[in-house]
Amino acid sequence: MKNKKIKKSESGFTLIEILVVIGLIALLAAVVIIAINPARQFAQGRNSQRVSNVNAILNAIGQRIADNKGLFRASDDLVCVVNLPTATSTTQIISSTGVDLRPCIAPTYISELPVDPVDGKACADAACSAGYNTEYTVLQDANGRVTVCAPKSKNETAIEANPEEICVTR
């Protein structure tokens, strides 16, 4: 009789091959997550919203100044007779702790004051009876240039090591 050898089929992967593939997939996943960095993406989105809000507020103030012949206040408008504080002042004039600019520019020049995407508190009703805080600051320097800033942008540590405050001056 002849010896018949039974051939064993060698299909499949070894344990080492499977572990190498799993290790490569984990390494690629880590590189992709670091490259995408969701926290950084969300922080950039919030800062983009802040830039848009700052420009909208500044445009509304600029339109009011243009309508009142270069002055922010109008003699016939008792609500807006206050001058904007100077740059040396620390007063935040669009906040719950400072002068309220909302009656001066909303809804004539802007439909509603925008608020910070993280900590801003919007108006609940037309009269803002519950109070609000946009978290934006508005200052006017001695030359009459108005600066609107978003101080909360400095808290976005996910973007860079030393983030700067978003400010626009016109």
N, C-alpha and C. Protein backbone atom coordinates (compact mmCIF):
# COMPACT_ATOMS: atom_id res chain seq x y z
N MET A 1 0.80 -1.17 0.00
CA MET A 1 0.00 0.00 0.00
C MET A 1 0.85 1.25 0.00
N LYS A 2 0.33 2.16 -0.64
CA LYS A 2 1.04 3.43 -0.71
C LYS A 2 0.50 4.36 0.37
N ASN A 3 1.44 5.12 0.89
CA ASN A 3 1.03 6.12 1.87
C ASN A 3 0.40 7.31 1.17
N LYS A 4 -0.75 7.54 1.53
CA LYS A 4 -1.42 8.73 0.98
C LYS A 4 -1.34 9.84 2.03
N LYS A 5 -0.78 10.92 1.62
CA LYS A 5 -0.69 12.06 2.52
C LYS A 5 -1.91 12.96 2.31
N ILE A 6 -2.48 13.29 3.39
CA ILE A 6 -3.61 14.20 3.33
C ILE A 6 -3.07 15.63 3.37
N LYS A 7 -3.40 16.37 2.36
CA LYS A 7 -2.95 17.75 2.29
C LYS A 7 -3.84 18.63 3.15
N LYS A 8 -3.18 19.34 3.98
CA LYS A 8 -3.90 20.26 4.86
C LYS A 8 -4.00 21.61 4.15
N SER A 9 -5.15 22.15 4.08
CA SER A 9 -5.34 23.45 3.45
C SER A 9 -4.84 24.53 4.40
N GLU A 10 -4.02 25.44 3.91
CA GLU A 10 -3.44 26.50 4.74
C GLU A 10 -4.06 27.85 4.40
N SER A 11 -5.32 27.95 4.55
CA SER A 11 -5.97 29.24 4.32
C SER A 11 -6.20 29.90 5.67
N GLY A 12 -6.15 31.26 5.68
CA GLY A 12 -6.34 32.00 6.92
C GLY A 12 -5.11 32.83 7.24
N PHE A 13 -5.19 33.56 8.32
CA PHE A 13 -4.11 34.44 8.73
C PHE A 13 -3.55 33.96 10.06
N THR A 14 -2.30 34.26 10.26
CA THR A 14 -1.70 33.92 11.55
C THR A 14 -2.04 35.03 12.53
N LEU A 15 -1.84 34.76 13.77
CA LEU A 15 -2.13 35.72 14.83
C LEU A 15 -1.25 36.96 14.68
N ILE A 16 -0.04 36.80 14.31
CA ILE A 16 0.88 37.94 14.14
C ILE A 16 0.41 38.83 12.99
N GLU A 17 -0.04 38.26 11.90
CA GLU A 17 -0.52 39.07 10.78
C GLU A 17 -1.74 39.90 11.18
N ILE A 18 -2.63 39.29 11.92
CA ILE A 18 -3.83 40.02 12.38
C ILE A 18 -3.43 41.15 13.32
N LEU A 19 -2.51 40.91 14.24
CA LEU A 19 -2.08 41.95 15.18
C LEU A 19 -1.37 43.09 14.47
N VAL A 20 -0.59 42.78 13.45
CA VAL A 20 0.08 43.84 12.68
C VAL A 20 -0.95 44.71 11.97
N VAL A 21 -1.96 44.11 11.38
CA VAL A 21 -3.00 44.88 10.68
C VAL A 21 -3.77 45.75 11.66
N ILE A 22 -4.12 45.21 12.83
CA ILE A 22 -4.84 45.99 13.84
C ILE A 22 -3.98 47.15 14.32
N GLY A 23 -2.69 46.93 14.50
CA GLY A 23 -1.78 48.00 14.91
C GLY A 23 -1.70 49.11 13.88
N LEU A 24 -1.63 48.74 12.59
CA LEU A 24 -1.59 49.75 11.52
C LEU A 24 -2.88 50.55 11.46
N ILE A 25 -4.01 49.89 11.62
CA ILE A 25 -5.30 50.60 11.61
C ILE A 25 -5.37 51.57 12.78
N ALA A 26 -4.93 51.16 13.95
CA ALA A 26 -4.94 52.05 15.12
C ALA A 26 -4.03 53.25 14.90
N LEU A 27 -2.87 53.03 14.31
CA LEU A 27 -1.94 54.13 14.04
C LEU A 27 -2.55 55.12 13.04
N LEU A 28 -3.16 54.64 11.99
CA LEU A 28 -3.80 55.52 11.01
C LEU A 28 -4.97 56.28 11.62
N ALA A 29 -5.75 55.61 12.46
CA ALA A 29 -6.88 56.27 13.12
C ALA A 29 -6.38 57.40 14.03
N ALA A 30 -5.30 57.16 14.75
CA ALA A 30 -4.75 58.20 15.63
C ALA A 30 -4.27 59.40 14.82
N VAL A 31 -3.62 59.15 13.69
CA VAL A 31 -3.14 60.25 12.84
C VAL A 31 -4.32 61.05 12.29
N VAL A 32 -5.38 60.38 11.88
CA VAL A 32 -6.55 61.08 11.33
C VAL A 32 -7.23 61.91 12.40
N ILE A 33 -7.38 61.38 13.60
CA ILE A 33 -8.04 62.12 14.69
C ILE A 33 -7.23 63.35 15.05
N ILE A 34 -5.91 63.22 15.08
CA ILE A 34 -5.07 64.37 15.39
C ILE A 34 -5.16 65.41 14.28
N ALA A 35 -5.21 64.96 13.04
CA ALA A 35 -5.29 65.89 11.91
C ALA A 35 -6.62 66.63 11.89
N ILE A 36 -7.69 65.93 12.19
CA ILE A 36 -9.02 66.54 12.17
C ILE A 36 -9.23 67.42 13.39
N ASN A 37 -8.88 66.94 14.57
CA ASN A 37 -8.99 67.65 15.84
C ASN A 37 -10.34 68.36 15.99
N PRO A 38 -11.36 67.62 16.39
CA PRO A 38 -12.71 68.20 16.47
C PRO A 38 -12.79 69.42 17.40
N ALA A 39 -12.06 69.41 18.49
CA ALA A 39 -12.12 70.56 19.40
C ALA A 39 -11.63 71.82 18.69
N ARG A 40 -10.59 71.69 17.91
CA ARG A 40 -10.06 72.83 17.17
C ARG A 40 -11.06 73.30 16.11
N GLN A 41 -11.71 72.37 15.45
CA GLN A 41 -12.70 72.72 14.44
C GLN A 41 -13.87 73.49 15.06
N PHE A 42 -14.35 73.03 16.22
CA PHE A 42 -15.45 73.73 16.89
C PHE A 42 -15.01 75.11 17.36
N ALA A 43 -13.78 75.22 17.87
CA ALA A 43 -13.28 76.52 18.32
C ALA A 43 -13.17 77.49 17.15
N GLN A 44 -12.69 77.02 16.01
CA GLN A 44 -12.61 77.88 14.83
C GLN A 44 -14.00 78.31 14.37
N GLY A 45 -14.97 77.42 14.47
CA GLY A 45 -16.35 77.76 14.10
C GLY A 45 -16.92 78.84 15.00
N ARG A 46 -16.68 78.71 16.32
CA ARG A 46 -17.16 79.73 17.26
C ARG A 46 -16.48 81.07 17.00
N ASN A 47 -15.19 81.05 16.69
CA ASN A 47 -14.50 82.31 16.42
C ASN A 47 -14.95 82.93 15.10
N SER A 48 -15.30 82.11 14.13
CA SER A 48 -15.87 82.65 12.89
C SER A 48 -17.20 83.35 13.17
N GLN A 49 -18.01 82.76 14.03
CA GLN A 49 -19.27 83.37 14.42
C GLN A 49 -19.02 84.68 15.16
N ARG A 50 -18.01 84.71 16.02
CA ARG A 50 -17.68 85.95 16.74
C ARG A 50 -17.26 87.05 15.79
N VAL A 51 -16.44 86.73 14.79
CA VAL A 51 -16.01 87.74 13.81
C VAL A 51 -17.23 88.30 13.08
N SER A 52 -18.14 87.44 12.70
CA SER A 52 -19.35 87.88 12.01
C SER A 52 -20.20 88.77 12.92
N ASN A 53 -20.35 88.38 14.18
CA ASN A 53 -21.14 89.17 15.14
C ASN A 53 -20.51 90.54 15.38
N VAL A 54 -19.20 90.57 15.56
CA VAL A 54 -18.49 91.84 15.81
C VAL A 54 -18.70 92.78 14.62
N ASN A 55 -18.57 92.26 13.41
CA ASN A 55 -18.78 93.09 12.22
C ASN A 55 -20.22 93.57 12.11
N ALA A 56 -21.18 92.73 12.46
CA ALA A 56 -22.59 93.13 12.40
C ALA A 56 -22.87 94.26 13.39
N ILE A 57 -22.35 94.15 14.61
CA ILE A 57 -22.56 95.20 15.61
C ILE A 57 -21.90 96.49 15.15
N LEU A 58 -20.68 96.38 14.65
CA LEU A 58 -19.96 97.57 14.20
C LEU A 58 -20.66 98.24 13.01
N ASN A 59 -21.21 97.44 12.11
CA ASN A 59 -21.96 98.00 10.98
C ASN A 59 -23.20 98.73 11.45
N ALA A 60 -23.91 98.17 12.43
CA ALA A 60 -25.11 98.82 12.95
C ALA A 60 -24.78 100.14 13.62
N ILE A 61 -23.70 100.15 14.40
CA ILE A 61 -23.28 101.40 15.05
C ILE A 61 -22.86 102.42 13.99
N GLY A 62 -22.13 101.96 12.99
CA GLY A 62 -21.71 102.86 11.91
C GLY A 62 -22.88 103.46 11.15
N GLN A 63 -23.91 102.65 10.91
CA GLN A 63 -25.10 103.16 10.22
C GLN A 63 -25.82 104.20 11.07
N ARG A 64 -25.89 103.96 12.39
CA ARG A 64 -26.53 104.92 13.28
C ARG A 64 -25.74 106.23 13.28
N ILE A 65 -24.42 106.13 13.33
CA ILE A 65 -23.58 107.33 13.31
C ILE A 65 -23.78 108.09 12.00
N ALA A 66 -23.84 107.35 10.89
CA ALA A 66 -24.03 107.99 9.58
C ALA A 66 -25.39 108.69 9.50
N ASP A 67 -26.42 108.08 10.05
CA ASP A 67 -27.76 108.68 10.02
C ASP A 67 -27.85 109.92 10.91
N ASN A 68 -26.97 110.02 11.91
CA ASN A 68 -27.01 111.14 12.85
C ASN A 68 -25.86 112.13 12.64
N LYS A 69 -25.43 112.24 11.39
CA LYS A 69 -24.43 113.24 10.98
C LYS A 69 -23.12 113.13 11.75
N GLY A 70 -22.65 111.91 11.93
CA GLY A 70 -21.34 111.70 12.55
C GLY A 70 -21.35 111.52 14.05
N LEU A 71 -22.49 111.64 14.67
CA LEU A 71 -22.59 111.46 16.11
C LEU A 71 -23.39 110.19 16.40
N PHE A 72 -23.02 109.52 17.46
CA PHE A 72 -23.79 108.34 17.81
C PHE A 72 -25.12 108.73 18.43
N ARG A 73 -25.14 109.82 19.18
CA ARG A 73 -26.38 110.22 19.83
C ARG A 73 -27.16 111.18 18.97
N ALA A 74 -28.45 111.20 19.19
CA ALA A 74 -29.33 112.12 18.47
C ALA A 74 -30.06 112.96 19.50
N SER A 75 -30.26 114.23 19.22
CA SER A 75 -30.88 115.12 20.20
C SER A 75 -32.33 114.75 20.47
N ASP A 76 -33.01 114.16 19.50
CA ASP A 76 -34.42 113.84 19.69
C ASP A 76 -34.61 112.44 20.28
N ASP A 77 -33.54 111.71 20.50
CA ASP A 77 -33.64 110.33 21.01
C ASP A 77 -33.09 110.30 22.43
N LEU A 78 -33.96 110.30 23.41
CA LEU A 78 -33.53 110.35 24.80
C LEU A 78 -32.87 109.05 25.26
N VAL A 79 -33.13 107.95 24.60
CA VAL A 79 -32.56 106.67 25.01
C VAL A 79 -31.07 106.63 24.70
N CYS A 80 -30.64 107.26 23.63
CA CYS A 80 -29.26 107.14 23.17
C CYS A 80 -28.48 108.43 23.35
N VAL A 81 -28.72 109.18 24.40
CA VAL A 81 -27.99 110.42 24.59
C VAL A 81 -26.62 110.19 25.21
N VAL A 82 -26.31 108.98 25.59
CA VAL A 82 -25.02 108.69 26.21
C VAL A 82 -23.96 108.55 25.12
N ASN A 83 -22.79 109.12 25.35
CA ASN A 83 -21.68 108.95 24.42
C ASN A 83 -21.04 107.59 24.65
N LEU A 84 -20.41 107.05 23.61
CA LEU A 84 -19.65 105.82 23.78
C LEU A 84 -18.46 106.10 24.67
N PRO A 85 -18.09 105.17 25.56
CA PRO A 85 -16.91 105.41 26.40
C PRO A 85 -15.63 105.43 25.57
N THR A 86 -14.62 106.07 26.10
CA THR A 86 -13.35 106.14 25.38
C THR A 86 -12.57 104.85 25.58
N ALA A 87 -11.52 104.67 24.78
CA ALA A 87 -10.73 103.44 24.83
C ALA A 87 -10.01 103.28 26.16
N THR A 88 -9.83 104.39 26.90
CA THR A 88 -9.17 104.27 28.20
C THR A 88 -10.14 103.79 29.27
N SER A 89 -11.42 103.83 28.96
CA SER A 89 -12.44 103.37 29.90
C SER A 89 -12.53 101.85 29.84
N THR A 90 -12.93 101.26 30.94
CA THR A 90 -13.11 99.80 30.97
C THR A 90 -14.58 99.42 30.89
N THR A 91 -15.43 100.39 30.64
CA THR A 91 -16.86 100.13 30.58
C THR A 91 -17.21 99.27 29.37
N GLN A 92 -17.99 98.26 29.58
CA GLN A 92 -18.52 97.46 28.49
C GLN A 92 -19.93 97.96 28.22
N ILE A 93 -20.15 98.53 27.07
CA ILE A 93 -21.44 99.17 26.88
C ILE A 93 -22.47 98.26 26.23
N ILE A 94 -22.11 97.09 25.79
CA ILE A 94 -23.13 96.13 25.38
C ILE A 94 -23.00 94.95 26.32
N SER A 95 -23.51 95.10 27.48
CA SER A 95 -23.49 94.03 28.47
C SER A 95 -24.48 94.38 29.57
N SER A 96 -24.72 93.43 30.44
CA SER A 96 -25.66 93.69 31.53
C SER A 96 -25.05 94.63 32.56
N THR A 97 -23.73 94.83 32.52
CA THR A 97 -23.10 95.69 33.51
C THR A 97 -22.81 97.09 32.99
N GLY A 98 -23.05 97.36 31.72
CA GLY A 98 -22.74 98.67 31.16
C GLY A 98 -23.96 99.33 30.57
N VAL A 99 -23.71 100.29 29.70
CA VAL A 99 -24.78 101.02 29.03
C VAL A 99 -25.42 100.12 27.99
N ASP A 100 -26.72 100.15 27.92
CA ASP A 100 -27.46 99.28 27.00
C ASP A 100 -27.60 99.96 25.64
N LEU A 101 -26.94 99.41 24.63
CA LEU A 101 -27.03 99.96 23.28
C LEU A 101 -28.20 99.37 22.49
N ARG A 102 -28.83 98.35 23.00
CA ARG A 102 -29.86 97.65 22.24
C ARG A 102 -30.97 98.59 21.75
N PRO A 103 -31.53 99.46 22.60
CA PRO A 103 -32.59 100.34 22.11
C PRO A 103 -32.10 101.32 21.04
N CYS A 104 -30.80 101.58 21.00
CA CYS A 104 -30.25 102.54 20.05
C CYS A 104 -30.09 101.97 18.64
N ILE A 105 -29.82 100.66 18.56
CA ILE A 105 -29.53 100.10 17.23
C ILE A 105 -30.47 98.97 16.81
N ALA A 106 -31.18 98.36 17.75
CA ALA A 106 -32.11 97.28 17.38
C ALA A 106 -33.53 97.79 17.53
N PRO A 107 -34.42 97.56 16.66
CA PRO A 107 -34.37 96.79 15.42
C PRO A 107 -34.13 97.65 14.18
N THR A 108 -33.83 98.94 14.35
CA THR A 108 -33.67 99.82 13.18
C THR A 108 -32.43 99.47 12.35
N TYR A 109 -31.30 99.25 13.01
CA TYR A 109 -30.04 99.04 12.30
C TYR A 109 -29.59 97.59 12.29
N ILE A 110 -30.11 96.79 13.18
CA ILE A 110 -29.82 95.35 13.25
C ILE A 110 -31.05 94.70 13.88
N SER A 111 -31.44 93.56 13.38
CA SER A 111 -32.69 92.96 13.87
C SER A 111 -32.63 92.64 15.35
N GLU A 112 -31.52 92.14 15.82
CA GLU A 112 -31.31 91.86 17.24
C GLU A 112 -29.82 91.80 17.47
N LEU A 113 -29.38 92.18 18.67
CA LEU A 113 -27.96 92.12 18.98
C LEU A 113 -27.52 90.66 19.05
N PRO A 114 -26.48 90.30 18.31
CA PRO A 114 -25.97 88.93 18.39
C PRO A 114 -25.25 88.70 19.71
N VAL A 115 -25.21 87.46 20.13
CA VAL A 115 -24.56 87.11 21.40
C VAL A 115 -23.42 86.14 21.15
N ASP A 116 -22.50 86.07 22.10
CA ASP A 116 -21.37 85.16 22.01
C ASP A 116 -21.88 83.72 21.91
N PRO A 117 -21.27 82.89 21.03
CA PRO A 117 -21.77 81.53 20.85
C PRO A 117 -21.62 80.62 22.07
N VAL A 118 -20.81 81.01 23.04
CA VAL A 118 -20.61 80.15 24.22
C VAL A 118 -21.35 80.70 25.42
N ASP A 119 -21.05 81.94 25.81
CA ASP A 119 -21.56 82.48 27.08
C ASP A 119 -22.58 83.59 26.93
N GLY A 120 -22.93 83.97 25.72
CA GLY A 120 -23.87 85.07 25.55
C GLY A 120 -25.27 84.70 25.99
N LYS A 121 -25.99 85.71 26.50
CA LYS A 121 -27.38 85.50 26.94
C LYS A 121 -28.27 86.42 26.11
N ALA A 122 -29.08 85.81 25.25
CA ALA A 122 -29.92 86.58 24.34
C ALA A 122 -31.17 87.08 25.04
N CYS A 123 -31.86 88.00 24.36
CA CYS A 123 -33.13 88.51 24.87
C CYS A 123 -34.20 87.44 24.74
N ALA A 124 -34.97 87.25 25.79
CA ALA A 124 -36.05 86.26 25.75
C ALA A 124 -37.31 86.85 25.15
N ASP A 125 -37.49 88.15 25.28
CA ASP A 125 -38.67 88.80 24.73
C ASP A 125 -38.27 90.15 24.15
N ALA A 126 -39.21 90.86 23.56
CA ALA A 126 -38.90 92.11 22.88
C ALA A 126 -38.36 93.18 23.84
N ALA A 127 -38.78 93.13 25.09
CA ALA A 127 -38.34 94.14 26.05
C ALA A 127 -37.09 93.71 26.81
N CYS A 128 -36.62 92.50 26.59
CA CYS A 128 -35.45 91.96 27.31
C CYS A 128 -35.67 92.04 28.81
N SER A 129 -36.87 91.69 29.26
CA SER A 129 -37.20 91.81 30.67
C SER A 129 -36.35 90.89 31.55
N ALA A 130 -35.86 89.79 30.99
CA ALA A 130 -35.04 88.88 31.78
C ALA A 130 -33.57 89.29 31.77
N GLY A 131 -33.24 90.35 31.06
CA GLY A 131 -31.86 90.79 30.95
C GLY A 131 -31.11 90.00 29.89
N TYR A 132 -29.99 90.51 29.48
CA TYR A 132 -29.18 89.84 28.47
C TYR A 132 -27.74 90.31 28.61
N ASN A 133 -26.84 89.57 28.01
CA ASN A 133 -25.43 89.94 28.00
C ASN A 133 -24.82 89.36 26.74
N THR A 134 -24.43 90.21 25.82
CA THR A 134 -23.89 89.73 24.55
C THR A 134 -22.47 89.20 24.70
N GLU A 135 -21.76 89.61 25.75
CA GLU A 135 -20.35 89.29 25.97
C GLU A 135 -19.42 90.01 25.00
N TYR A 136 -19.92 91.02 24.28
CA TYR A 136 -19.09 91.83 23.39
C TYR A 136 -18.89 93.20 24.02
N THR A 137 -17.76 93.83 23.74
CA THR A 137 -17.48 95.16 24.27
C THR A 137 -17.38 96.15 23.12
N VAL A 138 -17.80 97.39 23.38
CA VAL A 138 -17.74 98.46 22.38
C VAL A 138 -17.08 99.66 23.04
N LEU A 139 -16.04 100.19 22.39
CA LEU A 139 -15.35 101.36 22.90
C LEU A 139 -15.13 102.35 21.76
N GLN A 140 -15.00 103.62 22.12
CA GLN A 140 -14.72 104.66 21.13
C GLN A 140 -13.48 105.41 21.59
N ASP A 141 -12.48 105.56 20.69
CA ASP A 141 -11.26 106.26 21.08
C ASP A 141 -11.44 107.76 20.94
N ALA A 142 -10.40 108.51 21.28
CA ALA A 142 -10.48 109.97 21.25
C ALA A 142 -10.71 110.51 19.84
N ASN A 143 -10.33 109.76 18.82
CA ASN A 143 -10.52 110.19 17.44
C ASN A 143 -11.90 109.83 16.89
N GLY A 144 -12.72 109.19 17.69
CA GLY A 144 -14.06 108.83 17.26
C GLY A 144 -14.16 107.45 16.61
N ARG A 145 -13.05 106.72 16.56
CA ARG A 145 -13.09 105.38 15.97
C ARG A 145 -13.70 104.40 16.98
N VAL A 146 -14.61 103.58 16.49
CA VAL A 146 -15.32 102.63 17.34
C VAL A 146 -14.68 101.26 17.20
N THR A 147 -14.47 100.60 18.34
CA THR A 147 -13.89 99.25 18.37
C THR A 147 -14.88 98.32 19.05
N VAL A 148 -15.17 97.21 18.38
CA VAL A 148 -16.02 96.16 18.96
C VAL A 148 -15.14 94.94 19.14
N CYS A 149 -15.17 94.35 20.34
CA CYS A 149 -14.32 93.20 20.66
C CYS A 149 -15.14 92.03 21.19
N ALA A 150 -14.58 90.84 21.00
CA ALA A 150 -15.16 89.60 21.54
C ALA A 150 -14.14 89.00 22.50
N PRO A 151 -14.18 89.39 23.78
CA PRO A 151 -13.17 88.93 24.73
C PRO A 151 -13.16 87.42 24.95
N LYS A 152 -14.27 86.75 24.74
CA LYS A 152 -14.33 85.30 24.98
C LYS A 152 -13.50 84.52 23.97
N SER A 153 -13.08 85.16 22.88
CA SER A 153 -12.26 84.46 21.89
C SER A 153 -10.90 84.08 22.47
N LYS A 154 -10.46 84.77 23.51
CA LYS A 154 -9.18 84.43 24.14
C LYS A 154 -9.27 83.11 24.90
N ASN A 155 -10.48 82.66 25.22
CA ASN A 155 -10.66 81.41 25.96
C ASN A 155 -10.57 80.18 25.07
N GLU A 156 -10.49 80.36 23.78
CA GLU A 156 -10.44 79.23 22.84
C GLU A 156 -9.02 78.68 22.78
N THR A 157 -8.61 77.97 23.82
CA THR A 157 -7.24 77.47 23.91
C THR A 157 -6.98 76.32 22.95
N ALA A 158 -8.02 75.76 22.36
CA ALA A 158 -7.83 74.63 21.44
C ALA A 158 -7.23 75.09 20.12
N ILE A 159 -7.28 76.38 19.83
CA ILE A 159 -6.80 76.86 18.54
C ILE A 159 -5.30 77.09 18.56
N GLU A 160 -4.82 77.83 19.53
CA GLU A 160 -3.40 78.15 19.56
C GLU A 160 -2.97 78.39 21.00
N ALA A 161 -1.67 78.45 21.22
CA ALA A 161 -1.15 78.61 22.57
C ALA A 161 -1.48 79.97 23.15
N ASN A 162 -1.37 81.04 22.37
CA ASN A 162 -1.65 82.39 22.83
C ASN A 162 -2.72 83.05 21.97
N PRO A 163 -3.98 82.69 22.17
CA PRO A 163 -5.02 83.25 21.32
C PRO A 163 -5.20 84.75 21.59
N GLU A 164 -5.55 85.47 20.54
CA GLU A 164 -5.78 86.91 20.67
C GLU A 164 -7.26 87.21 20.67
N GLU A 165 -7.60 88.31 21.29
CA GLU A 165 -8.98 88.76 21.34
C GLU A 165 -9.39 89.24 19.94
N ILE A 166 -10.59 88.91 19.52
CA ILE A 166 -11.10 89.35 18.23
C ILE A 166 -11.64 90.77 18.39
N CYS A 167 -11.04 91.71 17.67
CA CYS A 167 -11.47 93.11 17.72
C CYS A 167 -11.48 93.68 16.31
N VAL A 168 -12.46 94.53 16.04
CA VAL A 168 -12.54 95.23 14.75
C VAL A 168 -12.76 96.70 15.06
N THR A 169 -11.98 97.57 14.40
CA THR A 169 -12.07 99.01 14.61
C THR A 169 -12.38 99.71 13.30
N ARG A 170 -13.29 100.64 13.36
CA ARG A 170 -13.60 101.49 12.20
C ARG A 170 -13.81 102.90 12.67
